[in-house]
C-alpha atoms as a PDB file:
ATOM      1  CA  MET A   1      -7.688  93.370 -46.603  1.00  0.00           C
ATOM      2  CA  LYS A   2      -5.949  95.907 -44.344  1.00  0.00           C
ATOM      3  CA  VAL A   3      -3.975  93.241 -42.487  1.00  0.00           C
ATOM      4  CA  GLN A   4      -2.947  91.626 -45.774  1.00  0.00           C
ATOM      5  CA  ARG A   5      -1.744  94.967 -47.128  1.00  0.00           C
ATOM      6  CA  ILE A   6       0.266  95.687 -43.969  1.00  0.00           C
ATOM      7  CA  HIS A   7       1.835  92.249 -44.236  1.00  0.00           C
ATOM      8  CA  ARG A   8       2.797  92.897 -47.868  1.00  0.00           C
ATOM      9  CA  ILE A   9       4.223  96.314 -46.978  1.00  0.00           C
ATOM     10  CA  GLU A  10       6.251  94.747 -44.187  1.00  0.00           C
ATOM     11  CA  ALA A  11       7.664  92.123 -46.557  1.00  0.00           C
ATOM     12  CA  TYR A  12       8.442  94.818 -49.142  1.00  0.00           C
ATOM     13  CA  VAL A  13      10.334  97.027 -46.667  1.00  0.00           C
ATOM     14  CA  ARG A  14      12.185  94.075 -45.161  1.00  0.00           C
ATOM     15  CA  GLN A  15      13.366  93.058 -48.624  1.00  0.00           C
ATOM     16  CA  LYS A  16      14.466  96.555 -49.678  1.00  0.00           C
ATOM     17  CA  GLY A  17      15.642  97.813 -46.289  1.00  0.00           C
ATOM     18  CA  ALA A  18      13.787 101.131 -46.670  1.00  0.00           C
ATOM     19  CA  ALA A  19      10.988 102.744 -48.656  1.00  0.00           C
ATOM     20  CA  SER A  20       9.475 106.194 -49.089  1.00  0.00           C
ATOM     21  CA  ILE A  21       5.791 106.964 -48.600  1.00  0.00           C
ATOM     22  CA  LYS A  22       5.590 107.991 -52.255  1.00  0.00           C
ATOM     23  CA  GLU A  23       7.121 104.697 -53.355  1.00  0.00           C
ATOM     24  CA  LEU A  24       4.721 102.673 -51.193  1.00  0.00           C
ATOM     25  CA  CYS A  25       1.703 104.613 -52.475  1.00  0.00           C
ATOM     26  CA  ALA A  26       2.650 103.713 -56.031  1.00  0.00           C
ATOM     27  CA  GLU A  27       3.500 100.106 -55.225  1.00  0.00           C
ATOM     28  CA  PHE A  28       0.282  99.364 -53.316  1.00  0.00           C
ATOM     29  CA  ASP A  29      -2.034 101.831 -55.068  1.00  0.00           C
ATOM     30  CA  VAL A  30      -3.315 103.543 -51.913  1.00  0.00           C
ATOM     31  CA  SER A  31      -3.326 107.100 -50.562  1.00  0.00           C
ATOM     32  CA  LYS A  32      -0.605 108.726 -48.461  1.00  0.00           C
ATOM     33  CA  ASN A  33      -2.908 108.778 -45.436  1.00  0.00           C
ATOM     34  CA  THR A  34      -3.494 105.036 -45.758  1.00  0.00           C
ATOM     35  CA  ILE A  35       0.232 104.340 -46.024  1.00  0.00           C
ATOM     36  CA  ARG A  36       0.947 106.543 -43.000  1.00  0.00           C
ATOM     37  CA  ARG A  37      -1.591 104.584 -40.934  1.00  0.00           C
ATOM     38  CA  ASP A  38      -0.113 101.277 -42.106  1.00  0.00           C
ATOM     39  CA  LEU A  39       3.424 102.409 -41.309  1.00  0.00           C
ATOM     40  CA  LYS A  40       2.314 103.298 -37.792  1.00  0.00           C
ATOM     41  CA  HIS A  41       1.528  99.609 -37.241  1.00  0.00           C
ATOM     42  CA  LEU A  42       4.965  98.592 -38.542  1.00  0.00           C
ATOM     43  CA  LEU A  43       6.718 101.090 -36.281  1.00  0.00           C
ATOM     44  CA  GLU A  44       4.963  99.544 -33.279  1.00  0.00           C
ATOM     45  CA  THR A  45       6.693  96.204 -33.947  1.00  0.00           C
ATOM     46  CA  GLY A  46      10.049  97.717 -32.972  1.00  0.00           C
ATOM     47  CA  ASP A  47      11.786  96.397 -36.088  1.00  0.00           C
ATOM     48  CA  PHE A  48      11.433  99.614 -38.087  1.00  0.00           C
ATOM     49  CA  GLU A  49      12.250 103.293 -37.665  1.00  0.00           C
ATOM     50  CA  LYS A  50      10.805 106.460 -39.119  1.00  0.00           C
ATOM     51  CA  VAL A  51      13.076 108.267 -41.582  1.00  0.00           C
ATOM     52  CA  TYR A  52      12.540 111.423 -43.594  1.00  0.00           C
ATOM     53  CA  GLY A  53       9.758 110.731 -46.076  1.00  0.00           C
ATOM     54  CA  GLY A  54       9.363 107.056 -45.248  1.00  0.00           C
ATOM     55  CA  ILE A  55      10.368 104.061 -43.154  1.00  0.00           C
ATOM     56  CA  ALA A  56      13.474 101.890 -42.767  1.00  0.00           C
ATOM     57  CA  LEU A  57      14.419  98.588 -41.205  1.00  0.00           C
ATOM     58  CA  LYS A  58      16.557  99.098 -38.099  1.00  0.00           C
ATOM     59  CA  GLU A  59      20.156  98.080 -38.587  1.00  0.00           C
ATOM     60  CA  ASP A  60      20.125  95.755 -35.595  1.00  0.00           C
ATOM     61  CA  THR A  61      16.906  93.969 -36.591  1.00  0.00           C
ATOM     62  CA  LEU A  62      17.408  90.235 -36.938  1.00  0.00           C
ATOM     63  CA  ILE A  63      15.571  89.407 -40.134  1.00  0.00           C
ATOM     64  CA  SER A  64      16.841  85.933 -40.984  1.00  0.00           C
ATOM     65  CA  PHE A  65      16.562  82.523 -39.367  1.00  0.00           C
ATOM     66  CA  GLU A  66      20.343  82.113 -39.362  1.00  0.00           C
ATOM     67  CA  ASN A  67      20.907  85.385 -37.477  1.00  0.00           C
ATOM     68  CA  ARG A  68      18.295  84.532 -34.855  1.00  0.00           C
ATOM     69  CA  GLN A  69      19.685  81.013 -34.528  1.00  0.00           C
ATOM     70  CA  VAL A  70      23.118  82.283 -33.500  1.00  0.00           C
ATOM     71  CA  SER A  71      21.605  84.648 -30.928  1.00  0.00           C
ATOM     72  CA  GLN A  72      21.241  83.010 -27.492  1.00  0.00           C
ATOM     73  CA  GLN A  73      21.642  79.517 -28.940  1.00  0.00           C
ATOM     74  CA  SER A  74      22.713  77.948 -25.653  1.00  0.00           C
ATOM     75  CA  GLN A  75      19.651  79.366 -23.880  1.00  0.00           C
ATOM     76  CA  LYS A  76      17.384  78.037 -26.616  1.00  0.00           C
ATOM     77  CA  LYS A  77      18.809  74.533 -26.217  1.00  0.00           C
ATOM     78  CA  LEU A  78      18.294  74.638 -22.456  1.00  0.00           C
ATOM     79  CA  ILE A  79      14.694  75.744 -22.986  1.00  0.00           C
ATOM     80  CA  SER A  80      14.078  72.885 -25.413  1.00  0.00           C
ATOM     81  CA  LYS A  81      15.623  70.396 -22.988  1.00  0.00           C
ATOM     82  CA  LYS A  82      13.328  71.627 -20.216  1.00  0.00           C
ATOM     83  CA  ALA A  83      10.282  71.523 -22.504  1.00  0.00           C
ATOM     84  CA  ALA A  84      11.119  67.969 -23.582  1.00  0.00           C
ATOM     85  CA  SER A  85      10.704  66.872 -19.957  1.00  0.00           C
ATOM     86  CA  LEU A  86       6.996  67.750 -20.323  1.00  0.00           C
ATOM     87  CA  ILE A  87       6.547  65.125 -23.062  1.00  0.00           C
ATOM     88  CA  ASP A  88       5.259  61.681 -22.099  1.00  0.00           C
ATOM     89  CA  ASP A  89       5.581  58.396 -23.935  1.00  0.00           C
ATOM     90  CA  GLY A  90       2.618  58.020 -26.319  1.00  0.00           C
ATOM     91  CA  ASP A  91       1.899  61.757 -26.631  1.00  0.00           C
ATOM     92  CA  LEU A  92       0.516  63.399 -29.758  1.00  0.00           C
ATOM     93  CA  ILE A  93       2.309  66.735 -29.951  1.00  0.00           C
ATOM     94  CA  PHE A  94       2.674  69.733 -32.244  1.00  0.00           C
ATOM     95  CA  VAL A  95       6.092  71.342 -32.639  1.00  0.00           C
ATOM     96  CA  ASP A  96       5.986  74.883 -33.993  1.00  0.00           C
ATOM     97  CA  SER A  97       8.417  76.599 -36.350  1.00  0.00           C
ATOM     98  CA  GLY A  98      11.204  78.540 -34.656  1.00  0.00           C
ATOM     99  CA  THR A  99      14.823  78.654 -33.553  1.00  0.00           C
ATOM    100  CA  THR A 100      14.040  77.261 -30.092  1.00  0.00           C
ATOM    101  CA  THR A 101      11.485  74.570 -30.917  1.00  0.00           C
ATOM    102  CA  LYS A 102      13.835  73.075 -33.547  1.00  0.00           C
ATOM    103  CA  TYR A 103      15.888  71.468 -30.746  1.00  0.00           C
ATOM    104  CA  LEU A 104      12.944  69.933 -28.859  1.00  0.00           C
ATOM    105  CA  ILE A 105      12.973  66.414 -30.331  1.00  0.00           C
ATOM    106  CA  ASP A 106      16.731  66.098 -29.713  1.00  0.00           C
ATOM    107  CA  TYR A 107      15.982  65.843 -25.981  1.00  0.00           C
ATOM    108  CA  VAL A 108      13.093  63.363 -26.171  1.00  0.00           C
ATOM    109  CA  PRO A 109      14.087  59.804 -25.126  1.00  0.00           C
ATOM    110  CA  LYS A 110      14.620  57.700 -28.240  1.00  0.00           C
ATOM    111  CA  GLU A 111      12.456  54.874 -26.919  1.00  0.00           C
ATOM    112  CA  TYR A 112       9.356  57.110 -26.704  1.00  0.00           C
ATOM    113  CA  GLN A 113       6.524  56.319 -29.109  1.00  0.00           C
ATOM    114  CA  LEU A 114       5.230  59.690 -30.323  1.00  0.00           C
ATOM    115  CA  THR A 115       3.040  61.237 -32.970  1.00  0.00           C
ATOM    116  CA  VAL A 116       4.581  64.552 -34.002  1.00  0.00           C
ATOM    117  CA  VAL A 117       2.682  67.152 -36.014  1.00  0.00           C
ATOM    118  CA  THR A 118       4.894  69.945 -37.336  1.00  0.00           C
ATOM    119  CA  ASN A 119       5.586  72.497 -40.055  1.00  0.00           C
ATOM    120  CA  ASN A 120       9.222  72.888 -38.955  1.00  0.00           C
ATOM    121  CA  LEU A 121      11.738  71.561 -41.511  1.00  0.00           C
ATOM    122  CA  ASP A 122      14.448  70.921 -38.922  1.00  0.00           C
ATOM    123  CA  VAL A 123      12.013  68.969 -36.753  1.00  0.00           C
ATOM    124  CA  ILE A 124      10.855  67.007 -39.808  1.00  0.00           C
ATOM    125  CA  ASN A 125      14.464  66.012 -40.543  1.00  0.00           C
ATOM    126  CA  VAL A 126      15.083  64.851 -36.958  1.00  0.00           C
ATOM    127  CA  CYS A 127      11.797  62.932 -36.744  1.00  0.00           C
ATOM    128  CA  SER A 128      12.450  61.184 -40.061  1.00  0.00           C
ATOM    129  CA  GLU A 129      15.419  59.416 -38.438  1.00  0.00           C
ATOM    130  CA  ARG A 130      13.435  58.215 -35.405  1.00  0.00           C
ATOM    131  CA  GLU A 131      11.553  54.987 -36.128  1.00  0.00           C
ATOM    132  CA  ASN A 132       9.371  55.392 -33.018  1.00  0.00           C
ATOM    133  CA  ILE A 133       7.908  58.673 -34.252  1.00  0.00           C
ATOM    134  CA  GLU A 134       4.870  58.918 -36.499  1.00  0.00           C
ATOM    135  CA  LEU A 135       5.284  62.173 -38.416  1.00  0.00           C
ATOM    136  CA  ILE A 136       2.454  64.363 -39.719  1.00  0.00           C
ATOM    137  CA  ILE A 137       3.481  67.405 -41.783  1.00  0.00           C
ATOM    138  CA  VAL A 138       1.274  70.483 -42.134  1.00  0.00           C
ATOM    139  CA  GLY A 139       1.776  73.282 -44.646  1.00  0.00           C
ATOM    140  CA  SER A 140       2.756  73.034 -48.304  1.00  0.00           C
ATOM    141  CA  LYS A 141       4.641  76.239 -49.161  1.00  0.00           C
ATOM    142  CA  PHE A 142       8.198  76.467 -47.832  1.00  0.00           C
ATOM    143  CA  LYS A 143       9.401  79.733 -46.294  1.00  0.00           C
ATOM    144  CA  SER A 144      13.197  79.709 -46.216  1.00  0.00           C
ATOM    145  CA  ALA A 145      13.526  82.632 -43.760  1.00  0.00           C
ATOM    146  CA  THR A 146      11.917  80.600 -40.972  1.00  0.00           C
ATOM    147  CA  ARG A 147      12.568  77.103 -42.406  1.00  0.00           C
ATOM    148  CA  SER A 148       8.882  76.295 -42.118  1.00  0.00           C
ATOM    149  CA  PHE A 149       5.921  75.290 -44.253  1.00  0.00           C
ATOM    150  CA  ILE A 150       3.218  77.932 -44.174  1.00  0.00           C
ATOM    151  CA  GLU A 151       0.399  77.294 -46.655  1.00  0.00           C
ATOM    152  CA  PHE A 152      -2.882  76.231 -45.125  1.00  0.00           C
ATOM    153  CA  ASN A 153      -4.495  74.060 -47.791  1.00  0.00           C
ATOM    154  CA  ASN A 154      -4.468  71.036 -45.482  1.00  0.00           C
ATOM    155  CA  HIS A 155      -6.314  72.752 -42.637  1.00  0.00           C
ATOM    156  CA  ASP A 156      -8.812  69.867 -42.550  1.00  0.00           C
ATOM    157  CA  ILE A 157      -6.013  67.656 -41.203  1.00  0.00           C
ATOM    158  CA  ILE A 158      -5.521  70.008 -38.264  1.00  0.00           C
ATOM    159  CA  LYS A 159      -9.284  70.240 -37.711  1.00  0.00           C
ATOM    160  CA  ASP A 160      -9.519  66.475 -37.212  1.00  0.00           C
ATOM    161  CA  LEU A 161      -6.459  66.045 -34.987  1.00  0.00           C
ATOM    162  CA  ASN A 162      -6.710  65.701 -31.211  1.00  0.00           C
ATOM    163  CA  ILE A 163      -3.405  67.233 -30.168  1.00  0.00           C
ATOM    164  CA  ARG A 164      -2.414  66.642 -26.559  1.00  0.00           C
ATOM    165  CA  LYS A 165       0.406  69.188 -26.251  1.00  0.00           C
ATOM    166  CA  ALA A 166       1.412  72.074 -28.506  1.00  0.00           C
ATOM    167  CA  PHE A 167       4.941  73.421 -28.165  1.00  0.00           C
ATOM    168  CA  MET A 168       4.668  76.915 -29.592  1.00  0.00           C
ATOM    169  CA  ALA A 169       7.023  79.754 -30.499  1.00  0.00           C
ATOM    170  CA  ALA A 170       6.394  83.480 -30.913  1.00  0.00           C
ATOM    171  CA  THR A 171       8.225  86.411 -32.440  1.00  0.00           C
ATOM    172  CA  GLY A 172       7.026  88.577 -29.584  1.00  0.00           C
ATOM    173  CA  ILE A 173       5.229  88.300 -26.231  1.00  0.00           C
ATOM    174  CA  SER A 174       3.323  91.015 -24.422  1.00  0.00           C
ATOM    175  CA  ILE A 175       0.608  91.086 -21.779  1.00  0.00           C
ATOM    176  CA  GLN A 176      -1.517  93.383 -23.920  1.00  0.00           C
ATOM    177  CA  ASN A 177      -1.089  91.715 -27.336  1.00  0.00           C
ATOM    178  CA  GLY A 178      -0.373  88.144 -26.287  1.00  0.00           C
ATOM    179  CA  LEU A 179       1.636  85.862 -28.568  1.00  0.00           C
ATOM    180  CA  THR A 180       2.474  87.558 -31.853  1.00  0.00           C
ATOM    181  CA  ASN A 181       3.937  86.592 -35.200  1.00  0.00           C
ATOM    182  CA  SER A 182       4.873  88.544 -38.319  1.00  0.00           C
ATOM    183  CA  ASP A 183       3.727  86.100 -41.021  1.00  0.00           C
ATOM    184  CA  MET A 184       0.015  85.820 -41.791  1.00  0.00           C
ATOM    185  CA  LEU A 185       0.102  82.295 -43.246  1.00  0.00           C
ATOM    186  CA  GLU A 186       2.185  80.980 -40.355  1.00  0.00           C
ATOM    187  CA  THR A 187      -0.244  82.652 -37.965  1.00  0.00           C
ATOM    188  CA  MET A 188      -3.217  80.806 -39.461  1.00  0.00           C
ATOM    189  CA  ILE A 189      -1.574  77.483 -38.645  1.00  0.00           C
ATOM    190  CA  LYS A 190      -0.628  78.632 -35.135  1.00  0.00           C
ATOM    191  CA  LYS A 191      -4.197  79.760 -34.380  1.00  0.00           C
ATOM    192  CA  SER A 192      -5.698  76.482 -35.555  1.00  0.00           C
ATOM    193  CA  ILE A 193      -3.216  74.418 -33.575  1.00  0.00           C
ATOM    194  CA  CYS A 194      -3.911  76.360 -30.370  1.00  0.00           C
ATOM    195  CA  GLN A 195      -7.645  75.803 -30.822  1.00  0.00           C
ATOM    196  CA  LYS A 196      -7.156  72.033 -31.222  1.00  0.00           C
ATOM    197  CA  SER A 197      -4.649  71.400 -28.427  1.00  0.00           C
ATOM    198  CA  ASP A 198      -5.415  70.296 -24.875  1.00  0.00           C
ATOM    199  CA  LEU A 199      -2.285  71.973 -23.516  1.00  0.00           C
ATOM    200  CA  ILE A 200      -0.370  74.943 -24.947  1.00  0.00           C
ATOM    201  CA  TYR A 201       3.266  75.404 -23.970  1.00  0.00           C
ATOM    202  CA  LEU A 202       5.233  78.439 -25.125  1.00  0.00           C
ATOM    203  CA  LEU A 203       9.001  78.180 -25.547  1.00  0.00           C
ATOM    204  CA  ALA A 204      10.542  81.657 -25.385  1.00  0.00           C
ATOM    205  CA  ASP A 205      13.939  83.117 -24.586  1.00  0.00           C
ATOM    206  CA  GLU A 206      14.314  86.414 -22.754  1.00  0.00           C
ATOM    207  CA  SER A 207      14.550  88.484 -25.961  1.00  0.00           C
ATOM    208  CA  LYS A 208      10.850  87.908 -26.754  1.00  0.00           C
ATOM    209  CA  PHE A 209       9.296  89.718 -23.781  1.00  0.00           C
ATOM    210  CA  ASP A 210       7.653  93.134 -24.207  1.00  0.00           C
ATOM    211  CA  ARG A 211       7.758  92.803 -27.967  1.00  0.00           C
ATOM    212  CA  SER A 212       4.799  92.794 -30.360  1.00  0.00           C
ATOM    213  CA  THR A 213       4.799  92.020 -34.066  1.00  0.00           C
ATOM    214  CA  LEU A 214       2.112  92.154 -36.725  1.00  0.00           C
ATOM    215  CA  ILE A 215      -0.511  89.561 -35.740  1.00  0.00           C
ATOM    216  CA  THR A 216      -1.695  88.041 -32.450  1.00  0.00           C
ATOM    217  CA  TYR A 217      -2.284  84.296 -32.694  1.00  0.00           C
ATOM    218  CA  SER A 218      -3.218  83.679 -29.047  1.00  0.00           C
ATOM    219  CA  PRO A 219      -3.924  85.686 -25.883  1.00  0.00           C
ATOM    220  CA  LEU A 220      -1.287  85.179 -23.209  1.00  0.00           C
ATOM    221  CA  ASN A 221      -3.830  83.808 -20.726  1.00  0.00           C
ATOM    222  CA  HIS A 222      -4.587  80.839 -23.012  1.00  0.00           C
ATOM    223  CA  LEU A 223      -1.203  79.321 -22.160  1.00  0.00           C
ATOM    224  CA  ASP A 224      -0.912  76.352 -19.837  1.00  0.00           C
ATOM    225  CA  ALA A 225       2.802  76.856 -19.313  1.00  0.00           C
ATOM    226  CA  LEU A 226       5.720  79.079 -20.295  1.00  0.00           C
ATOM    227  CA  VAL A 227       9.170  77.557 -20.674  1.00  0.00           C
ATOM    228  CA  SER A 228      11.873  80.209 -20.621  1.00  0.00           C
ATOM    229  CA  GLY A 229      15.441  80.958 -19.621  1.00  0.00           C
ATOM    230  CA  GLY A 230      17.388  83.927 -18.379  1.00  0.00           C
ATOM    231  CA  GLU A 231      15.472  86.780 -16.781  1.00  0.00           C
ATOM    232  CA  VAL A 232      11.674  86.670 -16.952  1.00  0.00           C
ATOM    233  CA  PRO A 233      10.381  90.184 -16.163  1.00  0.00           C
ATOM    234  CA  LYS A 234       8.639  90.445 -12.783  1.00  0.00           C
ATOM    235  CA  LYS A 235       5.344  91.647 -14.278  1.00  0.00           C
ATOM    236  CA  TYR A 236       5.171  88.469 -16.389  1.00  0.00           C
ATOM    237  CA  LYS A 237       5.831  86.261 -13.365  1.00  0.00           C
ATOM    238  CA  THR A 238       2.982  88.040 -11.582  1.00  0.00           C
ATOM    239  CA  TYR A 239       0.680  87.678 -14.594  1.00  0.00           C
ATOM    240  CA  LEU A 240       1.436  83.973 -14.945  1.00  0.00           C
ATOM    241  CA  LYS A 241       0.725  83.349 -11.269  1.00  0.00           C
ATOM    242  CA  GLU A 242      -2.547  85.306 -11.386  1.00  0.00           C
ATOM    243  CA  ASN A 243      -3.704  83.292 -14.412  1.00  0.00           C
ATOM    244  CA  ASP A 244      -2.615  79.848 -13.148  1.00  0.00           C
ATOM    245  CA  ILE A 245       0.010  79.462 -15.882  1.00  0.00           C
ATOM    246  CA  ASP A 246       2.990  77.296 -14.942  1.00  0.00           C
ATOM    247  CA  LEU A 247       6.473  78.748 -15.352  1.00  0.00           C
ATOM    248  CA  HIS A 248       9.337  76.365 -16.113  1.00  0.00           C
ATOM    249  CA  LEU A 249      12.777  77.974 -16.017  1.00  0.00           C
ATOM    250  CA  ALA A 250      15.699  76.406 -17.856  1.00  0.00           C
ATOM    251  CA  TYR A 251      19.169  76.815 -16.391  1.00  0.00           C
END
């Protein structure tokens, strides 16, 4: 209940840009103390700032898929190209929603026979044009901000799948909070996929490190490999080595 309320408050503030404590109390029918505690969680994400009497979205926060897509696009493509080299002919893979994972299939050899499970609209479109790919779509409610399907009414499909490799994305990565995401329904799919996959690969550009958002979907030490570009902070390199997690750098 608390997590759901925080998620709704986050969506409300993102839509309006700012909100007062009084306004949020009325909107969500809770006390000022409850709202203050909830806002503390939002402030920890780094996307919001405290203002007199309430909370506001930071001006430089990237809140749309299109804005994030433009940012570091070349690095994202290099990361996807590197990650694609980890795919073998005949694999059953999951491709997560995100602005990096959307390029993954572009770099897979066209002769490869693959089964691709995804909730990513851009990946669905690419796979639909590849006759050697068997496509399985999860999620039924479309979220335009992330161009992904997020409802979980077909969770039984995921439960029965034996996924070899999951290519995941995250809004934020931290040693303490692991892999985080800001959408609850998306997170449910991510958690289930990670539980059903033999190998978990995270695709992340340098902007994701030392950032935490609303919900953790996997501890960092559950990864089998991290595929990244640019500068990976030294403490993360040390952590990966200590936990036998492979690091693949894209240049």
